[in-house]
């Protein structure tokens, strides 16, 4: 089972009003950034902004990268 299929099965715990960014995109962004050495929400956001083209090879990120408070 690939990671996207596995994490795609997780239930999104957020309220509907807080679901501006897809849950799977937030998980993928966070995991990729932490594996790359990110140590906090600001680092994760910066990673996403810098690597957005790479991230979009796997998921659409149609709304771009969420602000660090959203992550």
PDB file of N, CA and C in Angstrom:
ATOM      1  N   UNK A   1       0.853  -1.185   0.000  1.00  0.00           N
ATOM      2  CA  UNK A   1       0.000   0.000   0.000  1.00  0.00           C
ATOM      3  C   UNK A   1       0.895   1.243   0.000  1.00  0.00           C
ATOM      4  N   UNK A   2       0.651   2.158  -0.928  1.00  0.00           N
ATOM      5  CA  UNK A   2       1.478   3.359  -0.964  1.00  0.00           C
ATOM      6  C   UNK A   2       1.030   4.370   0.094  1.00  0.00           C
ATOM      7  N   UNK A   3       1.892   5.330   0.345  1.00  0.00           N
ATOM      8  CA  UNK A   3       1.618   6.317   1.406  1.00  0.00           C
ATOM      9  C   UNK A   3       0.351   7.122   1.155  1.00  0.00           C
ATOM     10  N   UNK A   4       0.110   7.516  -0.087  1.00  0.00           N
ATOM     11  CA  UNK A   4      -1.076   8.325  -0.368  1.00  0.00           C
ATOM     12  C   UNK A   4      -2.353   7.540  -0.104  1.00  0.00           C
ATOM     13  N   UNK A   5      -2.349   6.288  -0.474  1.00  0.00           N
ATOM     14  CA  UNK A   5      -3.530   5.465  -0.220  1.00  0.00           C
ATOM     15  C   UNK A   5      -3.717   5.269   1.289  1.00  0.00           C
ATOM     16  N   UNK A   6      -2.619   5.029   2.002  1.00  0.00           N
ATOM     17  CA  UNK A   6      -2.696   4.834   3.448  1.00  0.00           C
ATOM     18  C   UNK A   6      -3.216   6.090   4.146  1.00  0.00           C
ATOM     19  N   UNK A   7      -2.560   7.224   3.905  1.00  0.00           N
ATOM     20  CA  UNK A   7      -2.961   8.454   4.578  1.00  0.00           C
ATOM     21  C   UNK A   7      -4.294   8.991   4.059  1.00  0.00           C
ATOM     22  N   UNK A   8      -4.650   8.643   2.838  1.00  0.00           N
ATOM     23  CA  UNK A   8      -5.941   9.045   2.295  1.00  0.00           C
ATOM     24  C   UNK A   8      -7.116   8.405   3.017  1.00  0.00           C
ATOM     25  N   UNK A   9      -6.855   7.324   3.743  1.00  0.00           N
ATOM     26  CA  UNK A   9      -7.899   6.639   4.498  1.00  0.00           C
ATOM     27  C   UNK A   9      -8.146   7.277   5.868  1.00  0.00           C
ATOM     28  N   UNK A  10      -7.249   8.159   6.290  1.00  0.00           N
ATOM     29  CA  UNK A  10      -7.414   8.801   7.594  1.00  0.00           C
ATOM     30  C   UNK A  10      -8.610   9.746   7.582  1.00  0.00           C
ATOM     31  N   UNK A  11      -9.320   9.771   8.672  1.00  0.00           N
ATOM     32  CA  UNK A  11     -10.443  10.696   8.806  1.00  0.00           C
ATOM     33  C   UNK A  11      -9.908  12.074   9.180  1.00  0.00           C
ATOM     34  N   UNK A  12     -10.378  13.078   8.495  1.00  0.00           N
ATOM     35  CA  UNK A  12      -9.959  14.450   8.763  1.00  0.00           C
ATOM     36  C   UNK A  12     -10.638  14.923  10.042  1.00  0.00           C
ATOM     37  N   UNK A  13      -9.865  15.225  11.097  1.00  0.00           N
ATOM     38  CA  UNK A  13     -10.465  15.612  12.374  1.00  0.00           C
ATOM     39  C   UNK A  13     -10.932  17.068  12.429  1.00  0.00           C
ATOM     40  N   UNK A  14     -10.654  17.850  11.397  1.00  0.00           N
ATOM     41  CA  UNK A  14     -10.997  19.270  11.426  1.00  0.00           C
ATOM     42  C   UNK A  14     -12.478  19.490  11.157  1.00  0.00           C
ATOM     43  N   UNK A  15     -12.998  20.587  11.669  1.00  0.00           N
ATOM     44  CA  UNK A  15     -14.372  20.992  11.368  1.00  0.00           C
ATOM     45  C   UNK A  15     -14.421  21.469   9.921  1.00  0.00           C
ATOM     46  N   UNK A  16     -15.584  21.360   9.298  1.00  0.00           N
ATOM     47  CA  UNK A  16     -15.731  21.738   7.889  1.00  0.00           C
ATOM     48  C   UNK A  16     -15.215  23.141   7.600  1.00  0.00           C
ATOM     49  N   UNK A  17     -15.453  24.058   8.499  1.00  0.00           N
ATOM     50  CA  UNK A  17     -15.040  25.450   8.286  1.00  0.00           C
ATOM     51  C   UNK A  17     -13.515  25.583   8.217  1.00  0.00           C
ATOM     52  N   UNK A  18     -12.796  24.623   8.790  1.00  0.00           N
ATOM     53  CA  UNK A  18     -11.333  24.670   8.824  1.00  0.00           C
ATOM     54  C   UNK A  18     -10.688  23.795   7.756  1.00  0.00           C
ATOM     55  N   UNK A  19     -11.431  23.416   6.730  1.00  0.00           N
ATOM     56  CA  UNK A  19     -10.899  22.509   5.719  1.00  0.00           C
ATOM     57  C   UNK A  19     -10.599  23.216   4.399  1.00  0.00           C
ATOM     58  N   UNK A  20      -9.963  24.358   4.473  1.00  0.00           N
ATOM     59  CA  UNK A  20      -9.612  25.112   3.268  1.00  0.00           C
ATOM     60  C   UNK A  20      -8.556  24.364   2.446  1.00  0.00           C
ATOM     61  N   UNK A  21      -7.644  23.704   3.120  1.00  0.00           N
ATOM     62  CA  UNK A  21      -6.579  22.948   2.467  1.00  0.00           C
ATOM     63  C   UNK A  21      -6.833  21.461   2.670  1.00  0.00           C
ATOM     64  N   UNK A  22      -6.662  20.649   1.621  1.00  0.00           N
ATOM     65  CA  UNK A  22      -6.900  19.212   1.767  1.00  0.00           C
ATOM     66  C   UNK A  22      -5.995  18.586   2.830  1.00  0.00           C
ATOM     67  N   UNK A  23      -6.584  17.729   3.637  1.00  0.00           N
ATOM     68  CA  UNK A  23      -5.886  17.067   4.736  1.00  0.00           C
ATOM     69  C   UNK A  23      -4.660  16.296   4.234  1.00  0.00           C
ATOM     70  N   UNK A  24      -4.801  15.574   3.137  1.00  0.00           N
ATOM     71  CA  UNK A  24      -3.692  14.791   2.602  1.00  0.00           C
ATOM     72  C   UNK A  24      -2.530  15.690   2.183  1.00  0.00           C
ATOM     73  N   UNK A  25      -2.823  16.858   1.642  1.00  0.00           N
ATOM     74  CA  UNK A  25      -1.757  17.790   1.270  1.00  0.00           C
ATOM     75  C   UNK A  25      -1.007  18.282   2.502  1.00  0.00           C
ATOM     76  N   UNK A  26      -1.717  18.561   3.574  1.00  0.00           N
ATOM     77  CA  UNK A  26      -1.069  19.018   4.806  1.00  0.00           C
ATOM     78  C   UNK A  26      -0.192  17.909   5.386  1.00  0.00           C
ATOM     79  N   UNK A  27      -0.685  16.679   5.371  1.00  0.00           N
ATOM     80  CA  UNK A  27       0.108  15.556   5.881  1.00  0.00           C
ATOM     81  C   UNK A  27       1.362  15.363   5.031  1.00  0.00           C
ATOM     82  N   UNK A  28       1.199  15.367   3.707  1.00  0.00           N
ATOM     83  CA  UNK A  28       2.340  15.170   2.811  1.00  0.00           C
ATOM     84  C   UNK A  28       3.365  16.290   2.973  1.00  0.00           C
ATOM     85  N   UNK A  29       2.906  17.522   3.016  1.00  0.00           N
ATOM     86  CA  UNK A  29       3.796  18.662   3.221  1.00  0.00           C
ATOM     87  C   UNK A  29       4.557  18.519   4.530  1.00  0.00           C
ATOM     88  N   UNK A  30       3.853  18.227   5.608  1.00  0.00           N
ATOM     89  CA  UNK A  30       4.474  18.131   6.927  1.00  0.00           C
ATOM     90  C   UNK A  30       5.496  17.004   6.978  1.00  0.00           C
ATOM     91  N   UNK A  31       5.127  15.836   6.484  1.00  0.00           N
ATOM     92  CA  UNK A  31       6.061  14.702   6.497  1.00  0.00           C
ATOM     93  C   UNK A  31       7.306  14.998   5.663  1.00  0.00           C
ATOM     94  N   UNK A  32       7.121  15.549   4.476  1.00  0.00           N
ATOM     95  CA  UNK A  32       8.254  15.854   3.601  1.00  0.00           C
ATOM     96  C   UNK A  32       9.187  16.867   4.250  1.00  0.00           C
ATOM     97  N   UNK A  33       8.609  17.893   4.841  1.00  0.00           N
ATOM     98  CA  UNK A  33       9.419  18.936   5.470  1.00  0.00           C
ATOM     99  C   UNK A  33      10.179  18.405   6.683  1.00  0.00           C
ATOM    100  N   UNK A  34       9.524  17.640   7.525  1.00  0.00           N
ATOM    101  CA  UNK A  34      10.179  17.108   8.728  1.00  0.00           C
ATOM    102  C   UNK A  34      11.294  16.138   8.338  1.00  0.00           C
ATOM    103  N   UNK A  35      11.041  15.284   7.359  1.00  0.00           N
ATOM    104  CA  UNK A  35      12.090  14.371   6.883  1.00  0.00           C
ATOM    105  C   UNK A  35      13.287  15.163   6.361  1.00  0.00           C
ATOM    106  N   UNK A  36      13.023  16.342   5.815  1.00  0.00           N
ATOM    107  CA  UNK A  36      14.083  17.195   5.272  1.00  0.00           C
ATOM    108  C   UNK A  36      14.732  18.089   6.322  1.00  0.00           C
ATOM    109  N   UNK A  37      14.304  17.970   7.579  1.00  0.00           N
ATOM    110  CA  UNK A  37      14.958  18.712   8.654  1.00  0.00           C
ATOM    111  C   UNK A  37      14.165  19.852   9.252  1.00  0.00           C
ATOM    112  N   UNK A  38      12.941  20.084   8.809  1.00  0.00           N
ATOM    113  CA  UNK A  38      12.124  21.162   9.391  1.00  0.00           C
ATOM    114  C   UNK A  38      11.874  20.874  10.864  1.00  0.00           C
ATOM    115  N   UNK A  39      11.921  21.924  11.670  1.00  0.00           N
ATOM    116  CA  UNK A  39      11.780  21.761  13.118  1.00  0.00           C
ATOM    117  C   UNK A  39      10.604  22.519  13.705  1.00  0.00           C
ATOM    118  N   UNK A  40       9.752  23.051  12.888  1.00  0.00           N
ATOM    119  CA  UNK A  40       8.586  23.783  13.397  1.00  0.00           C
ATOM    120  C   UNK A  40       7.687  24.184  12.250  1.00  0.00           C
ATOM    121  N   UNK A  41       6.555  24.795  12.610  1.00  0.00           N
ATOM    122  CA  UNK A  41       5.553  25.155  11.609  1.00  0.00           C
ATOM    123  C   UNK A  41       6.080  26.156  10.594  1.00  0.00           C
ATOM    124  N   UNK A  42       6.892  27.100  11.046  1.00  0.00           N
ATOM    125  CA  UNK A  42       7.447  28.089  10.120  1.00  0.00           C
ATOM    126  C   UNK A  42       8.388  27.420   9.129  1.00  0.00           C
ATOM    127  N   UNK A  43       9.216  26.487   9.617  1.00  0.00           N
ATOM    128  CA  UNK A  43      10.104  25.736   8.724  1.00  0.00           C
ATOM    129  C   UNK A  43       9.302  24.934   7.702  1.00  0.00           C
ATOM    130  N   UNK A  44       8.196  24.340   8.139  1.00  0.00           N
ATOM    131  CA  UNK A  44       7.357  23.542   7.239  1.00  0.00           C
ATOM    132  C   UNK A  44       6.773  24.436   6.150  1.00  0.00           C
ATOM    133  N   UNK A  45       6.284  25.605   6.538  1.00  0.00           N
ATOM    134  CA  UNK A  45       5.729  26.551   5.559  1.00  0.00           C
ATOM    135  C   UNK A  45       6.806  26.976   4.557  1.00  0.00           C
ATOM    136  N   UNK A  46       7.990  27.312   5.049  1.00  0.00           N
ATOM    137  CA  UNK A  46       9.083  27.725   4.159  1.00  0.00           C
ATOM    138  C   UNK A  46       9.477  26.599   3.205  1.00  0.00           C
ATOM    139  N   UNK A  47       9.549  25.379   3.734  1.00  0.00           N
ATOM    140  CA  UNK A  47       9.846  24.228   2.889  1.00  0.00           C
ATOM    141  C   UNK A  47       8.820  24.134   1.762  1.00  0.00           C
ATOM    142  N   UNK A  48       7.548  24.255   2.120  1.00  0.00           N
ATOM    143  CA  UNK A  48       6.485  24.161   1.128  1.00  0.00           C
ATOM    144  C   UNK A  48       6.576  25.234   0.063  1.00  0.00           C
ATOM    145  N   UNK A  49       6.859  26.453   0.469  1.00  0.00           N
ATOM    146  CA  UNK A  49       6.976  27.552  -0.492  1.00  0.00           C
ATOM    147  C   UNK A  49       8.150  27.317  -1.443  1.00  0.00           C
ATOM    148  N   UNK A  50       9.260  26.843  -0.900  1.00  0.00           N
ATOM    149  CA  UNK A  50      10.460  26.631  -1.705  1.00  0.00           C
ATOM    150  C   UNK A  50      10.313  25.429  -2.639  1.00  0.00           C
ATOM    151  N   UNK A  51       9.599  24.404  -2.192  1.00  0.00           N
ATOM    152  CA  UNK A  51       9.490  23.150  -2.944  1.00  0.00           C
ATOM    153  C   UNK A  51       8.091  22.923  -3.533  1.00  0.00           C
ATOM    154  N   UNK A  52       7.342  23.978  -3.750  1.00  0.00           N
ATOM    155  CA  UNK A  52       5.967  23.836  -4.228  1.00  0.00           C
ATOM    156  C   UNK A  52       5.894  23.092  -5.562  1.00  0.00           C
ATOM    157  N   UNK A  53       6.777  23.384  -6.478  1.00  0.00           N
ATOM    158  CA  UNK A  53       6.762  22.692  -7.778  1.00  0.00           C
ATOM    159  C   UNK A  53       6.971  21.187  -7.583  1.00  0.00           C
ATOM    160  N   UNK A  54       7.871  20.817  -6.698  1.00  0.00           N
ATOM    161  CA  UNK A  54       8.114  19.394  -6.421  1.00  0.00           C
ATOM    162  C   UNK A  54       6.890  18.757  -5.774  1.00  0.00           C
ATOM    163  N   UNK A  55       6.298  19.433  -4.789  1.00  0.00           N
ATOM    164  CA  UNK A  55       5.110  18.908  -4.115  1.00  0.00           C
ATOM    165  C   UNK A  55       3.975  18.688  -5.108  1.00  0.00           C
ATOM    166  N   UNK A  56       3.848  19.587  -6.074  1.00  0.00           N
ATOM    167  CA  UNK A  56       2.768  19.492  -7.069  1.00  0.00           C
ATOM    168  C   UNK A  56       2.968  18.337  -8.058  1.00  0.00           C
ATOM    169  N   UNK A  57       4.119  17.722  -8.050  1.00  0.00           N
ATOM    170  CA  UNK A  57       4.305  16.518  -8.861  1.00  0.00           C
ATOM    171  C   UNK A  57       3.496  15.358  -8.285  1.00  0.00           C
ATOM    172  N   UNK A  58       3.107  15.461  -7.015  1.00  0.00           N
ATOM    173  CA  UNK A  58       2.419  14.377  -6.317  1.00  0.00           C
ATOM    174  C   UNK A  58       0.972  14.706  -5.950  1.00  0.00           C
ATOM    175  N   UNK A  59       0.715  15.952  -5.580  1.00  0.00           N
ATOM    176  CA  UNK A  59      -0.632  16.403  -5.210  1.00  0.00           C
ATOM    177  C   UNK A  59      -0.835  17.803  -5.784  1.00  0.00           C
ATOM    178  N   UNK A  60      -2.081  18.218  -6.031  1.00  0.00           N
ATOM    179  CA  UNK A  60      -2.318  19.486  -6.737  1.00  0.00           C
ATOM    180  C   UNK A  60      -1.901  20.768  -6.003  1.00  0.00           C
ATOM    181  N   UNK A  61      -2.062  20.843  -4.709  1.00  0.00           N
ATOM    182  CA  UNK A  61      -1.784  22.069  -3.948  1.00  0.00           C
ATOM    183  C   UNK A  61      -2.375  23.282  -4.669  1.00  0.00           C
ATOM    184  N   UNK A  62      -3.652  23.161  -5.066  1.00  0.00           N
ATOM    185  CA  UNK A  62      -4.324  24.217  -5.823  1.00  0.00           C
ATOM    186  C   UNK A  62      -4.384  25.536  -5.068  1.00  0.00           C
ATOM    187  N   UNK A  63      -4.448  25.492  -3.762  1.00  0.00           N
ATOM    188  CA  UNK A  63      -4.505  26.719  -2.957  1.00  0.00           C
ATOM    189  C   UNK A  63      -3.120  27.134  -2.474  1.00  0.00           C
ATOM    190  N   UNK A  64      -2.090  26.469  -2.949  1.00  0.00           N
ATOM    191  CA  UNK A  64      -0.737  26.788  -2.523  1.00  0.00           C
ATOM    192  C   UNK A  64      -0.429  26.184  -1.161  1.00  0.00           C
ATOM    193  N   UNK A  65       0.464  26.834  -0.446  1.00  0.00           N
ATOM    194  CA  UNK A  65       0.912  26.358   0.862  1.00  0.00           C
ATOM    195  C   UNK A  65       0.159  27.121   1.947  1.00  0.00           C
ATOM    196  N   UNK A  66      -0.389  26.399   2.925  1.00  0.00           N
ATOM    197  CA  UNK A  66      -1.099  27.095   4.005  1.00  0.00           C
ATOM    198  C   UNK A  66      -0.141  27.884   4.893  1.00  0.00           C
ATOM    199  N   UNK A  67      -0.667  28.900   5.546  1.00  0.00           N
ATOM    200  CA  UNK A  67       0.143  29.647   6.510  1.00  0.00           C
ATOM    201  C   UNK A  67       0.486  28.725   7.674  1.00  0.00           C
ATOM    202  N   UNK A  68       1.535  29.071   8.405  1.00  0.00           N
ATOM    203  CA  UNK A  68       2.004  28.183   9.472  1.00  0.00           C
ATOM    204  C   UNK A  68       0.960  27.954  10.561  1.00  0.00           C
ATOM    205  N   UNK A  69       0.065  28.885  10.789  1.00  0.00           N
ATOM    206  CA  UNK A  69      -0.995  28.674  11.788  1.00  0.00           C
ATOM    207  C   UNK A  69      -1.983  27.596  11.350  1.00  0.00           C
ATOM    208  N   UNK A  70      -2.137  27.422  10.035  1.00  0.00           N
ATOM    209  CA  UNK A  70      -3.056  26.422   9.501  1.00  0.00           C
ATOM    210  C   UNK A  70      -2.451  25.027   9.556  1.00  0.00           C
ATOM    211  N   UNK A  71      -1.145  24.944   9.350  1.00  0.00           N
ATOM    212  CA  UNK A  71      -0.470  23.651   9.360  1.00  0.00           C
ATOM    213  C   UNK A  71      -0.550  23.102  10.760  1.00  0.00           C
TER     214      UNK A  71
END
